[in-house]
Each structure stands twice: as structure tokens, then as C-alpha cells.
């Protein structure tokens, strides 16, 4: 298992190096295997194609940036790390955006973003009686919004600092998830009244 991960990592490093020099569409499996000193057979043993390798890079490296998550109180640190990862890997990420389009990039980011938003919602809702489907609805609402924000930032040339974006995001997010959970809980108990949640 360790050897398999090391092999995948070597291929990932090779692809990222190639993407600093040329468009994703112009990179061949031969380019990757030559760069990392592995065989074509080794590549196909681990990945079906280069797209799968690209997806593996995002899923594993973005997950690593999210390992700082401890509770909903430090969610800003987690997403700040995501923005910083993109900033530090600008050539690679911009190549992805320009070569395969925004839709594909968003798909790469979606799964992990949704997973960590689920953790946040679960933490905030601890002690409440909210139906899991309502929690899922909150995650489904915020996940695409966050990813769209990331994509727009990239398309505009990453002019804003990651810290500024996360602070602006916090203004929109902080309090609204808690408020939504309270409303759902009140609805389920038959206690909902709009005035109870004003402000």
C-alpha cells in the first residue's frame, strides 16, 4: 500500500511538472512516465488515464490542506489553506482551469468541499434535533457557492489575497448556518415563527 502511494505520488509530481511547461491536453502518458522513471504498465496499473491522475492529485492534495480542521470554530483556517494551495500551485491550477474547463475543476473540488462542510454542519448542529436531510440541504447549498467563489477568483487572476476572500466569506457564512439549523429544528417541533429568528 505504501509502495502504491509512493508510485502515485511520483506520477503526480511528474504531471505537475509537465503542467508547468505545457497545456494539459498536450501531455502524454509517455511524458509522465519518462519524467518519473516509471513504465507505461505501472501507470495503467494505478490509473485509467491522465484525467484520473489529475483527479487523484486534487483529491489528495486538497484533503491535505484540510487536515487542520478541528471544529467549526476554525473552518476559516481550512478554507484559507485551500486558497493558499491554489495560490502556491498557481501554474498547475490555472492550467487545469484553462485546459479542461471550470466544470471539471469544480468536480475535482466538490467532493472534498462537501465532506468538510458536512463536518462543520454536524459540529454546529450537535445537541439539536434536525433531520439529516435538512443538514444535507445546507451542505448542498453552500458547497457550490464556495466552489463558484474559488473558480471566479481564479478566472479573475487571483487578485485578492486569500485572507481577504475568506474574511468576506465569513461575513456571509457565520451565523447563517446556525440560524438555518435553528429554523429547521423549530419547524420540526412546530415552533417556527419568523419573528423568532429576526436579526
N, C-alpha and C. Protein backbone atom coordinates (compact mmCIF):
# COMPACT_ATOMS: atom_id res chain seq x y z
N UNK A 1 0.82 -1.20 0.00
CA UNK A 1 0.00 0.00 0.00
C UNK A 1 0.86 1.26 0.00
N UNK A 2 1.92 1.24 0.83
CA UNK A 2 2.83 2.38 0.90
C UNK A 2 3.53 2.56 -0.44
N UNK A 3 3.97 1.44 -1.03
CA UNK A 3 4.65 1.50 -2.32
C UNK A 3 3.72 2.05 -3.39
N UNK A 4 2.45 1.63 -3.36
CA UNK A 4 1.47 2.11 -4.33
C UNK A 4 1.28 3.62 -4.21
N UNK A 5 1.19 4.10 -2.97
CA UNK A 5 1.01 5.54 -2.76
C UNK A 5 2.24 6.31 -3.25
N UNK A 6 3.42 5.78 -3.00
CA UNK A 6 4.65 6.43 -3.44
C UNK A 6 4.70 6.50 -4.97
N UNK A 7 4.25 5.43 -5.62
CA UNK A 7 4.23 5.40 -7.09
C UNK A 7 3.26 6.45 -7.63
N UNK A 8 2.08 6.52 -7.03
CA UNK A 8 1.09 7.51 -7.45
C UNK A 8 1.62 8.93 -7.22
N UNK A 9 2.28 9.11 -6.09
CA UNK A 9 2.83 10.43 -5.77
C UNK A 9 3.89 10.83 -6.79
N UNK A 10 4.74 9.88 -7.19
CA UNK A 10 5.78 10.16 -8.18
C UNK A 10 5.16 10.59 -9.50
N UNK A 11 4.09 9.92 -9.89
CA UNK A 11 3.40 10.27 -11.13
C UNK A 11 2.72 11.63 -11.01
N UNK A 12 2.20 11.92 -9.83
CA UNK A 12 1.56 13.21 -9.59
C UNK A 12 2.56 14.35 -9.71
N UNK A 13 3.73 14.16 -9.12
CA UNK A 13 4.79 15.18 -9.20
C UNK A 13 5.19 15.39 -10.65
N UNK A 14 5.30 14.30 -11.39
CA UNK A 14 5.69 14.38 -12.80
C UNK A 14 4.65 15.15 -13.61
N UNK A 15 3.37 14.87 -13.38
CA UNK A 15 2.31 15.57 -14.11
C UNK A 15 2.32 17.06 -13.78
N UNK A 16 2.49 17.40 -12.51
CA UNK A 16 2.51 18.80 -12.13
C UNK A 16 3.69 19.54 -12.77
N UNK A 17 4.82 18.87 -12.87
CA UNK A 17 5.99 19.47 -13.52
C UNK A 17 5.71 19.72 -15.00
N UNK A 18 5.08 18.73 -15.64
CA UNK A 18 4.75 18.86 -17.06
C UNK A 18 3.75 19.99 -17.28
N UNK A 19 2.81 20.14 -16.36
CA UNK A 19 1.78 21.16 -16.50
C UNK A 19 2.31 22.57 -16.24
N UNK A 20 3.52 22.67 -15.74
CA UNK A 20 4.16 23.98 -15.60
C UNK A 20 4.76 24.42 -16.93
N UNK A 21 4.89 23.46 -17.86
CA UNK A 21 5.54 23.75 -19.14
C UNK A 21 4.60 23.72 -20.33
N UNK A 22 3.53 22.94 -20.25
CA UNK A 22 2.64 22.80 -21.41
C UNK A 22 1.20 22.57 -20.97
N UNK A 23 0.29 22.75 -21.93
CA UNK A 23 -1.12 22.55 -21.67
C UNK A 23 -1.39 21.09 -21.30
N UNK A 24 -2.37 20.88 -20.44
CA UNK A 24 -2.73 19.53 -20.01
C UNK A 24 -3.00 18.62 -21.20
N UNK A 25 -3.69 19.15 -22.21
CA UNK A 25 -4.06 18.34 -23.37
C UNK A 25 -2.85 17.87 -24.18
N UNK A 26 -1.73 18.54 -24.03
CA UNK A 26 -0.53 18.19 -24.80
C UNK A 26 0.39 17.23 -24.06
N UNK A 27 -0.01 16.84 -22.87
CA UNK A 27 0.81 15.93 -22.06
C UNK A 27 0.39 14.49 -22.30
N UNK A 28 1.38 13.65 -22.55
CA UNK A 28 1.11 12.23 -22.81
C UNK A 28 1.54 11.39 -21.61
N UNK A 29 1.07 10.17 -21.58
CA UNK A 29 1.49 9.24 -20.54
C UNK A 29 2.99 9.01 -20.63
N UNK A 30 3.50 9.01 -21.85
CA UNK A 30 4.94 8.84 -22.06
C UNK A 30 5.72 9.96 -21.39
N UNK A 31 5.21 11.20 -21.49
CA UNK A 31 5.86 12.34 -20.83
C UNK A 31 5.95 12.12 -19.32
N UNK A 32 4.86 11.63 -18.76
CA UNK A 32 4.79 11.42 -17.31
C UNK A 32 5.73 10.31 -16.86
N UNK A 33 5.65 9.16 -17.53
CA UNK A 33 6.47 8.01 -17.11
C UNK A 33 7.96 8.29 -17.32
N UNK A 34 8.28 9.02 -18.38
CA UNK A 34 9.68 9.36 -18.62
C UNK A 34 10.20 10.29 -17.53
N UNK A 35 9.36 11.22 -17.13
CA UNK A 35 9.76 12.20 -16.11
C UNK A 35 10.01 11.56 -14.75
N UNK A 36 9.20 10.54 -14.41
CA UNK A 36 9.33 9.93 -13.07
C UNK A 36 10.05 8.59 -13.10
N UNK A 37 10.48 8.15 -14.28
CA UNK A 37 11.26 6.91 -14.37
C UNK A 37 10.46 5.64 -14.16
N UNK A 38 9.16 5.69 -14.46
CA UNK A 38 8.31 4.51 -14.32
C UNK A 38 7.84 4.03 -15.69
N UNK A 39 7.28 2.85 -15.73
CA UNK A 39 6.84 2.28 -17.01
C UNK A 39 5.39 2.64 -17.31
N UNK A 40 5.03 2.49 -18.57
CA UNK A 40 3.65 2.71 -19.00
C UNK A 40 2.71 1.73 -18.30
N UNK A 41 3.20 0.49 -18.13
CA UNK A 41 2.40 -0.52 -17.45
C UNK A 41 2.12 -0.11 -16.00
N UNK A 42 3.12 0.49 -15.36
CA UNK A 42 2.94 0.96 -13.98
C UNK A 42 1.86 2.04 -13.91
N UNK A 43 1.86 2.91 -14.93
CA UNK A 43 0.85 3.97 -14.95
C UNK A 43 -0.55 3.36 -15.01
N UNK A 44 -0.75 2.44 -15.96
CA UNK A 44 -2.09 1.86 -16.13
C UNK A 44 -2.49 0.94 -14.99
N UNK A 45 -1.54 0.50 -14.23
CA UNK A 45 -1.86 -0.31 -13.05
C UNK A 45 -2.55 0.55 -11.99
N UNK A 46 -2.19 1.84 -11.96
CA UNK A 46 -2.71 2.73 -10.93
C UNK A 46 -3.81 3.67 -11.43
N UNK A 47 -3.76 4.04 -12.70
CA UNK A 47 -4.73 4.99 -13.24
C UNK A 47 -5.23 4.56 -14.61
N UNK A 48 -6.51 4.87 -14.89
CA UNK A 48 -7.07 4.55 -16.20
C UNK A 48 -6.56 5.50 -17.27
N UNK A 49 -6.38 6.75 -16.89
CA UNK A 49 -5.91 7.76 -17.84
C UNK A 49 -5.36 8.96 -17.07
N UNK A 50 -4.92 9.97 -17.80
CA UNK A 50 -4.32 11.15 -17.16
C UNK A 50 -5.37 11.94 -16.37
N UNK A 51 -6.61 11.92 -16.84
CA UNK A 51 -7.68 12.61 -16.11
C UNK A 51 -7.84 12.05 -14.70
N UNK A 52 -7.74 10.73 -14.59
CA UNK A 52 -7.87 10.12 -13.27
C UNK A 52 -6.70 10.51 -12.37
N UNK A 53 -5.52 10.59 -12.93
CA UNK A 53 -4.35 11.05 -12.16
C UNK A 53 -4.55 12.48 -11.70
N UNK A 54 -5.06 13.32 -12.59
CA UNK A 54 -5.31 14.72 -12.23
C UNK A 54 -6.32 14.81 -11.09
N UNK A 55 -7.37 14.01 -11.18
CA UNK A 55 -8.36 13.99 -10.10
C UNK A 55 -7.77 13.50 -8.80
N UNK A 56 -6.86 12.53 -8.88
CA UNK A 56 -6.21 12.00 -7.68
C UNK A 56 -5.38 13.09 -7.00
N UNK A 57 -4.70 13.89 -7.80
CA UNK A 57 -3.88 14.98 -7.24
C UNK A 57 -4.75 15.93 -6.43
N UNK A 58 -5.86 16.37 -7.03
CA UNK A 58 -6.73 17.31 -6.33
C UNK A 58 -7.35 16.70 -5.08
N UNK A 59 -7.82 15.46 -5.20
CA UNK A 59 -8.49 14.85 -4.06
C UNK A 59 -7.54 14.65 -2.89
N UNK A 60 -6.29 14.27 -3.18
CA UNK A 60 -5.33 14.02 -2.10
C UNK A 60 -4.67 15.29 -1.58
N UNK A 61 -4.30 16.20 -2.47
CA UNK A 61 -3.60 17.39 -2.00
C UNK A 61 -4.56 18.39 -1.35
N UNK A 62 -5.77 18.48 -1.87
CA UNK A 62 -6.75 19.37 -1.23
C UNK A 62 -7.14 18.82 0.13
N UNK A 63 -7.25 17.49 0.22
CA UNK A 63 -7.54 16.87 1.52
C UNK A 63 -6.45 17.21 2.53
N UNK A 64 -5.20 17.19 2.09
CA UNK A 64 -4.09 17.52 2.99
C UNK A 64 -4.20 18.95 3.52
N UNK A 65 -4.69 19.87 2.68
CA UNK A 65 -4.83 21.25 3.13
C UNK A 65 -5.94 21.38 4.16
N UNK A 66 -6.83 20.39 4.20
CA UNK A 66 -7.97 20.46 5.11
C UNK A 66 -7.74 19.71 6.42
N UNK A 67 -6.56 19.16 6.60
CA UNK A 67 -6.29 18.39 7.81
C UNK A 67 -6.22 19.25 9.06
N UNK A 68 -6.22 20.56 8.89
CA UNK A 68 -6.19 21.45 10.05
C UNK A 68 -7.56 21.56 10.71
N UNK A 69 -8.59 20.96 10.07
CA UNK A 69 -9.94 21.08 10.63
C UNK A 69 -10.04 20.38 11.98
N UNK A 70 -10.52 21.11 12.97
CA UNK A 70 -10.73 20.54 14.30
C UNK A 70 -12.18 20.71 14.75
N UNK A 71 -12.73 21.88 14.48
CA UNK A 71 -14.13 22.14 14.80
C UNK A 71 -14.60 23.28 13.92
N UNK A 72 -15.90 23.57 13.99
CA UNK A 72 -16.43 24.64 13.14
C UNK A 72 -15.82 25.99 13.48
N UNK A 73 -15.20 26.09 14.66
CA UNK A 73 -14.60 27.36 15.07
C UNK A 73 -13.37 27.72 14.25
N UNK A 74 -12.72 26.73 13.62
CA UNK A 74 -11.54 27.05 12.81
C UNK A 74 -11.76 26.74 11.33
N UNK A 75 -13.03 26.79 10.89
CA UNK A 75 -13.31 26.49 9.49
C UNK A 75 -12.61 27.46 8.55
N UNK A 76 -12.41 28.71 9.02
CA UNK A 76 -11.74 29.69 8.16
C UNK A 76 -10.31 29.27 7.85
N UNK A 77 -9.64 28.65 8.82
CA UNK A 77 -8.27 28.17 8.59
C UNK A 77 -8.25 27.12 7.49
N UNK A 78 -9.26 26.25 7.50
CA UNK A 78 -9.33 25.18 6.50
C UNK A 78 -9.45 25.76 5.10
N UNK A 79 -10.40 26.67 4.91
CA UNK A 79 -10.61 27.22 3.58
C UNK A 79 -9.53 28.21 3.17
N UNK A 80 -8.90 28.83 4.14
CA UNK A 80 -7.74 29.66 3.83
C UNK A 80 -6.64 28.78 3.23
N UNK A 81 -6.48 27.58 3.77
CA UNK A 81 -5.48 26.65 3.25
C UNK A 81 -5.79 26.23 1.82
N UNK A 82 -7.07 26.10 1.50
CA UNK A 82 -7.46 25.74 0.13
C UNK A 82 -7.04 26.84 -0.83
N UNK A 83 -7.36 28.09 -0.48
CA UNK A 83 -6.98 29.21 -1.32
C UNK A 83 -5.46 29.33 -1.45
N UNK A 84 -4.76 29.11 -0.35
CA UNK A 84 -3.30 29.20 -0.39
C UNK A 84 -2.70 28.08 -1.23
N UNK A 85 -3.33 26.89 -1.18
CA UNK A 85 -2.85 25.78 -2.03
C UNK A 85 -2.95 26.18 -3.50
N UNK A 86 -4.06 26.76 -3.88
CA UNK A 86 -4.25 27.17 -5.27
C UNK A 86 -3.25 28.26 -5.64
N UNK A 87 -3.04 29.20 -4.72
CA UNK A 87 -2.10 30.29 -4.97
C UNK A 87 -0.68 29.75 -5.12
N UNK A 88 -0.29 28.82 -4.26
CA UNK A 88 1.06 28.25 -4.30
C UNK A 88 1.27 27.31 -5.48
N UNK A 89 0.19 26.77 -6.01
CA UNK A 89 0.25 25.88 -7.18
C UNK A 89 -0.46 26.53 -8.36
N UNK A 90 -0.21 27.83 -8.52
CA UNK A 90 -0.95 28.64 -9.49
C UNK A 90 -0.85 28.10 -10.91
N UNK A 91 0.35 27.78 -11.38
CA UNK A 91 0.51 27.30 -12.76
C UNK A 91 -0.28 26.02 -12.98
N UNK A 92 -0.17 25.11 -12.04
CA UNK A 92 -0.87 23.83 -12.14
C UNK A 92 -2.39 24.03 -12.14
N UNK A 93 -2.88 24.82 -11.21
CA UNK A 93 -4.33 25.02 -11.09
C UNK A 93 -4.90 25.82 -12.26
N UNK A 94 -4.18 26.85 -12.70
CA UNK A 94 -4.65 27.63 -13.84
C UNK A 94 -4.62 26.81 -15.12
N UNK A 95 -3.63 25.94 -15.25
CA UNK A 95 -3.57 25.04 -16.40
C UNK A 95 -4.80 24.14 -16.41
N UNK A 96 -5.16 23.63 -15.23
CA UNK A 96 -6.36 22.79 -15.12
C UNK A 96 -7.59 23.57 -15.56
N UNK A 97 -7.72 24.79 -15.06
CA UNK A 97 -8.88 25.62 -15.38
C UNK A 97 -8.97 25.90 -16.87
N UNK A 98 -7.86 26.27 -17.48
CA UNK A 98 -7.86 26.65 -18.89
C UNK A 98 -7.90 25.45 -19.84
N UNK A 99 -7.37 24.33 -19.40
CA UNK A 99 -7.29 23.16 -20.29
C UNK A 99 -8.57 22.33 -20.30
N UNK A 100 -9.12 22.08 -19.14
CA UNK A 100 -10.29 21.20 -19.11
C UNK A 100 -11.55 21.92 -18.65
N UNK A 101 -11.43 23.18 -18.33
CA UNK A 101 -12.60 23.98 -18.03
C UNK A 101 -13.00 24.04 -16.57
N UNK A 102 -13.83 25.02 -16.30
CA UNK A 102 -14.29 25.28 -14.93
C UNK A 102 -15.10 24.12 -14.37
N UNK A 103 -15.93 23.50 -15.22
CA UNK A 103 -16.79 22.41 -14.74
C UNK A 103 -15.98 21.27 -14.15
N UNK A 104 -14.91 20.89 -14.84
CA UNK A 104 -14.09 19.78 -14.37
C UNK A 104 -13.37 20.15 -13.07
N UNK A 105 -12.86 21.37 -13.01
CA UNK A 105 -12.17 21.80 -11.79
C UNK A 105 -13.13 21.77 -10.61
N UNK A 106 -14.34 22.23 -10.84
CA UNK A 106 -15.33 22.25 -9.77
C UNK A 106 -15.66 20.83 -9.30
N UNK A 107 -15.70 19.89 -10.23
CA UNK A 107 -15.97 18.49 -9.86
C UNK A 107 -14.85 17.94 -8.98
N UNK A 108 -13.61 18.31 -9.30
CA UNK A 108 -12.48 17.85 -8.50
C UNK A 108 -12.59 18.36 -7.07
N UNK A 109 -13.05 19.60 -6.92
CA UNK A 109 -13.11 20.22 -5.60
C UNK A 109 -14.38 19.88 -4.83
N UNK A 110 -15.42 19.47 -5.55
CA UNK A 110 -16.74 19.32 -4.94
C UNK A 110 -16.78 18.31 -3.80
N UNK A 111 -16.29 17.10 -4.07
CA UNK A 111 -16.42 16.01 -3.10
C UNK A 111 -15.80 16.36 -1.76
N UNK A 112 -14.57 16.88 -1.80
CA UNK A 112 -13.87 17.18 -0.55
C UNK A 112 -14.48 18.39 0.17
N UNK A 113 -14.91 19.38 -0.62
CA UNK A 113 -15.54 20.54 0.00
C UNK A 113 -16.83 20.13 0.70
N UNK A 114 -17.62 19.31 0.04
CA UNK A 114 -18.88 18.85 0.63
C UNK A 114 -18.63 18.04 1.91
N UNK A 115 -17.59 17.21 1.88
CA UNK A 115 -17.29 16.37 3.05
C UNK A 115 -16.95 17.23 4.26
N UNK A 116 -16.15 18.27 4.06
CA UNK A 116 -15.76 19.10 5.20
C UNK A 116 -16.87 20.05 5.65
N UNK A 117 -17.70 20.47 4.70
CA UNK A 117 -18.86 21.25 5.10
C UNK A 117 -19.81 20.40 5.94
N UNK A 118 -19.89 19.12 5.62
CA UNK A 118 -20.72 18.21 6.41
C UNK A 118 -20.21 18.13 7.84
N UNK A 119 -18.88 18.09 8.00
CA UNK A 119 -18.30 18.08 9.35
C UNK A 119 -18.69 19.35 10.11
N UNK A 120 -18.61 20.47 9.42
CA UNK A 120 -18.93 21.75 10.05
C UNK A 120 -20.39 21.77 10.50
N UNK A 121 -21.28 21.37 9.60
CA UNK A 121 -22.71 21.37 9.93
C UNK A 121 -23.00 20.40 11.07
N UNK A 122 -22.36 19.24 11.05
CA UNK A 122 -22.56 18.26 12.14
C UNK A 122 -22.11 18.83 13.48
N UNK A 123 -20.97 19.53 13.47
CA UNK A 123 -20.47 20.12 14.72
C UNK A 123 -21.42 21.19 15.25
N UNK A 124 -21.86 22.06 14.34
CA UNK A 124 -22.74 23.16 14.75
C UNK A 124 -24.08 22.63 15.25
N UNK A 125 -24.55 21.55 14.63
CA UNK A 125 -25.88 21.02 14.96
C UNK A 125 -25.88 20.06 16.15
N UNK A 126 -24.70 19.85 16.73
CA UNK A 126 -24.62 18.93 17.87
C UNK A 126 -25.54 19.39 19.00
N UNK A 127 -26.36 18.48 19.49
CA UNK A 127 -27.29 18.82 20.55
C UNK A 127 -28.65 19.26 20.05
N UNK A 128 -28.79 19.44 18.73
CA UNK A 128 -30.08 19.82 18.16
C UNK A 128 -30.77 18.59 17.58
N UNK A 129 -32.03 18.75 17.27
CA UNK A 129 -32.80 17.66 16.67
C UNK A 129 -33.22 18.08 15.27
N UNK A 130 -32.27 18.02 14.35
CA UNK A 130 -32.53 18.41 12.97
C UNK A 130 -32.42 17.18 12.09
N UNK A 131 -33.39 17.01 11.22
CA UNK A 131 -33.39 15.87 10.31
C UNK A 131 -32.13 15.89 9.44
N UNK A 132 -31.47 14.74 9.27
CA UNK A 132 -30.25 14.67 8.44
C UNK A 132 -30.44 15.22 7.04
N UNK A 133 -31.64 15.08 6.49
CA UNK A 133 -31.89 15.59 5.13
C UNK A 133 -31.79 17.11 5.08
N UNK A 134 -32.13 17.76 6.19
CA UNK A 134 -32.04 19.23 6.25
C UNK A 134 -30.58 19.66 6.35
N UNK A 135 -29.78 18.89 7.09
CA UNK A 135 -28.35 19.18 7.15
C UNK A 135 -27.72 19.03 5.76
N UNK A 136 -28.15 17.99 5.07
CA UNK A 136 -27.63 17.74 3.73
C UNK A 136 -28.01 18.88 2.79
N UNK A 137 -29.20 19.44 2.98
CA UNK A 137 -29.64 20.56 2.16
C UNK A 137 -28.74 21.77 2.36
N UNK A 138 -28.35 22.02 3.61
CA UNK A 138 -27.44 23.13 3.90
C UNK A 138 -26.10 22.93 3.19
N UNK A 139 -25.58 21.71 3.28
CA UNK A 139 -24.31 21.39 2.62
C UNK A 139 -24.44 21.55 1.11
N UNK A 140 -25.55 21.08 0.55
CA UNK A 140 -25.78 21.18 -0.89
C UNK A 140 -25.88 22.62 -1.35
N UNK A 141 -26.33 23.50 -0.46
CA UNK A 141 -26.46 24.91 -0.80
C UNK A 141 -25.11 25.62 -0.79
N UNK A 142 -24.33 25.37 0.27
CA UNK A 142 -23.09 26.11 0.44
C UNK A 142 -21.92 25.58 -0.39
N UNK A 143 -21.92 24.28 -0.68
CA UNK A 143 -20.78 23.70 -1.42
C UNK A 143 -20.59 24.34 -2.79
N UNK A 144 -21.63 24.38 -3.67
CA UNK A 144 -21.43 25.00 -4.97
C UNK A 144 -21.11 26.49 -4.88
N UNK A 145 -21.66 27.15 -3.85
CA UNK A 145 -21.39 28.58 -3.69
C UNK A 145 -19.92 28.82 -3.40
N UNK A 146 -19.35 28.00 -2.51
CA UNK A 146 -17.93 28.14 -2.19
C UNK A 146 -17.06 27.84 -3.40
N UNK A 147 -17.38 26.78 -4.12
CA UNK A 147 -16.57 26.38 -5.27
C UNK A 147 -16.66 27.43 -6.37
N UNK A 148 -17.84 28.01 -6.57
CA UNK A 148 -18.00 29.06 -7.57
C UNK A 148 -17.15 30.27 -7.21
N UNK A 149 -17.05 30.56 -5.91
CA UNK A 149 -16.21 31.67 -5.45
C UNK A 149 -14.74 31.41 -5.77
N UNK A 150 -14.30 30.17 -5.56
CA UNK A 150 -12.92 29.79 -5.88
C UNK A 150 -12.65 29.94 -7.37
N UNK A 151 -13.57 29.42 -8.19
CA UNK A 151 -13.39 29.46 -9.65
C UNK A 151 -13.37 30.90 -10.16
N UNK A 152 -14.25 31.74 -9.64
CA UNK A 152 -14.30 33.14 -10.07
C UNK A 152 -13.01 33.86 -9.69
N UNK A 153 -12.50 33.57 -8.51
CA UNK A 153 -11.24 34.16 -8.06
C UNK A 153 -10.10 33.78 -9.00
N UNK A 154 -10.07 32.53 -9.41
CA UNK A 154 -9.03 32.07 -10.33
C UNK A 154 -9.18 32.74 -11.69
N UNK A 155 -10.41 32.79 -12.19
CA UNK A 155 -10.66 33.37 -13.51
C UNK A 155 -10.32 34.85 -13.56
N UNK A 156 -10.42 35.52 -12.42
CA UNK A 156 -10.11 36.96 -12.37
C UNK A 156 -8.63 37.23 -12.12
N UNK A 157 -7.82 36.16 -12.09
CA UNK A 157 -6.38 36.33 -11.94
C UNK A 157 -5.87 36.31 -10.51
N UNK A 158 -6.69 35.85 -9.57
CA UNK A 158 -6.29 35.73 -8.16
C UNK A 158 -5.77 37.05 -7.60
N UNK A 159 -6.47 38.13 -7.89
CA UNK A 159 -6.01 39.45 -7.46
C UNK A 159 -6.18 39.67 -5.96
N UNK A 160 -7.27 39.17 -5.42
CA UNK A 160 -7.49 39.32 -3.97
C UNK A 160 -6.63 38.34 -3.19
N UNK A 161 -6.19 38.76 -2.02
CA UNK A 161 -5.42 37.86 -1.16
C UNK A 161 -6.37 36.82 -0.56
N UNK A 162 -5.88 35.59 -0.37
CA UNK A 162 -6.73 34.55 0.24
C UNK A 162 -7.36 34.99 1.55
N UNK A 163 -6.60 35.73 2.37
CA UNK A 163 -7.13 36.18 3.66
C UNK A 163 -8.35 37.08 3.48
N UNK A 164 -8.30 37.95 2.45
CA UNK A 164 -9.41 38.87 2.21
C UNK A 164 -10.66 38.10 1.79
N UNK A 165 -10.46 37.10 0.92
CA UNK A 165 -11.60 36.33 0.43
C UNK A 165 -12.27 35.57 1.57
N UNK A 166 -11.46 34.94 2.40
CA UNK A 166 -12.02 34.15 3.50
C UNK A 166 -12.75 35.04 4.50
N UNK A 167 -12.22 36.23 4.76
CA UNK A 167 -12.90 37.14 5.68
C UNK A 167 -14.24 37.59 5.10
N UNK A 168 -14.26 37.87 3.78
CA UNK A 168 -15.51 38.24 3.13
C UNK A 168 -16.51 37.09 3.15
N UNK A 169 -15.99 35.88 2.97
CA UNK A 169 -16.84 34.69 3.01
C UNK A 169 -17.43 34.50 4.41
N UNK A 170 -16.62 34.80 5.41
CA UNK A 170 -17.07 34.63 6.80
C UNK A 170 -18.26 35.53 7.11
N UNK A 171 -18.26 36.74 6.53
CA UNK A 171 -19.37 37.67 6.75
C UNK A 171 -20.68 37.05 6.26
N UNK A 172 -20.59 36.32 5.14
CA UNK A 172 -21.78 35.70 4.56
C UNK A 172 -22.21 34.44 5.30
N UNK A 173 -21.22 33.68 5.76
CA UNK A 173 -21.50 32.34 6.29
C UNK A 173 -21.77 32.31 7.79
N UNK A 174 -20.92 33.02 8.55
CA UNK A 174 -21.01 32.89 10.01
C UNK A 174 -22.39 33.33 10.52
N UNK A 175 -23.00 32.49 11.25
CA UNK A 175 -24.31 32.77 11.81
C UNK A 175 -25.46 32.25 10.97
N UNK A 176 -25.28 32.22 9.64
CA UNK A 176 -26.39 31.79 8.79
C UNK A 176 -26.65 30.30 8.89
N UNK A 177 -25.59 29.50 9.04
CA UNK A 177 -25.79 28.05 9.19
C UNK A 177 -26.49 27.76 10.51
N UNK A 178 -26.03 28.41 11.59
CA UNK A 178 -26.68 28.22 12.89
C UNK A 178 -28.15 28.63 12.82
N UNK A 179 -28.40 29.75 12.16
CA UNK A 179 -29.78 30.24 12.05
C UNK A 179 -30.65 29.26 11.28
N UNK A 180 -30.11 28.71 10.20
CA UNK A 180 -30.86 27.74 9.40
C UNK A 180 -31.18 26.49 10.21
N UNK A 181 -30.20 26.03 10.99
CA UNK A 181 -30.42 24.84 11.81
C UNK A 181 -31.50 25.09 12.87
N UNK A 182 -31.48 26.29 13.48
CA UNK A 182 -32.49 26.62 14.48
C UNK A 182 -33.89 26.66 13.85
N UNK A 183 -33.94 27.19 12.64
CA UNK A 183 -35.23 27.27 11.95
C UNK A 183 -35.76 25.88 11.61
N UNK A 184 -34.87 25.02 11.13
CA UNK A 184 -35.29 23.66 10.80
C UNK A 184 -35.76 22.92 12.05
N UNK A 185 -35.02 23.10 13.15
CA UNK A 185 -35.39 22.43 14.39
C UNK A 185 -36.75 22.92 14.88
N UNK A 186 -36.96 24.23 14.80
CA UNK A 186 -38.24 24.80 15.22
C UNK A 186 -39.38 24.31 14.34
N UNK A 187 -39.12 24.22 13.04
CA UNK A 187 -40.13 23.72 12.11
C UNK A 187 -40.56 22.31 12.49
N UNK A 188 -39.56 21.48 12.79
CA UNK A 188 -39.85 20.09 13.11
C UNK A 188 -40.60 19.95 14.43
N UNK A 189 -40.42 20.93 15.31
CA UNK A 189 -41.13 20.91 16.60
C UNK A 189 -42.44 21.69 16.53
N UNK A 190 -42.68 22.32 15.37
CA UNK A 190 -43.90 23.10 15.21
C UNK A 190 -43.86 24.43 15.93
N UNK A 191 -42.63 24.94 16.14
CA UNK A 191 -42.48 26.18 16.90
C UNK A 191 -42.06 27.36 16.04
N UNK A 192 -42.01 27.17 14.74
CA UNK A 192 -41.43 28.22 13.89
C UNK A 192 -42.32 29.46 13.84
N UNK A 193 -41.67 30.59 14.02
CA UNK A 193 -42.31 31.88 13.77
C UNK A 193 -41.22 32.81 13.28
N UNK A 194 -41.44 33.52 12.14
CA UNK A 194 -40.38 34.37 11.56
C UNK A 194 -39.76 35.35 12.54
N UNK A 195 -40.58 35.88 13.48
CA UNK A 195 -40.06 36.88 14.41
C UNK A 195 -39.04 36.29 15.38
N UNK A 196 -39.09 34.97 15.56
CA UNK A 196 -38.15 34.33 16.48
C UNK A 196 -36.72 34.35 15.96
N UNK A 197 -36.59 34.58 14.65
CA UNK A 197 -35.26 34.47 14.05
C UNK A 197 -34.85 35.78 13.38
N UNK A 198 -35.54 36.85 13.68
CA UNK A 198 -35.18 38.14 13.10
C UNK A 198 -33.83 38.56 13.61
N UNK A 199 -33.04 39.18 12.69
CA UNK A 199 -31.72 39.67 13.08
C UNK A 199 -30.77 38.56 13.22
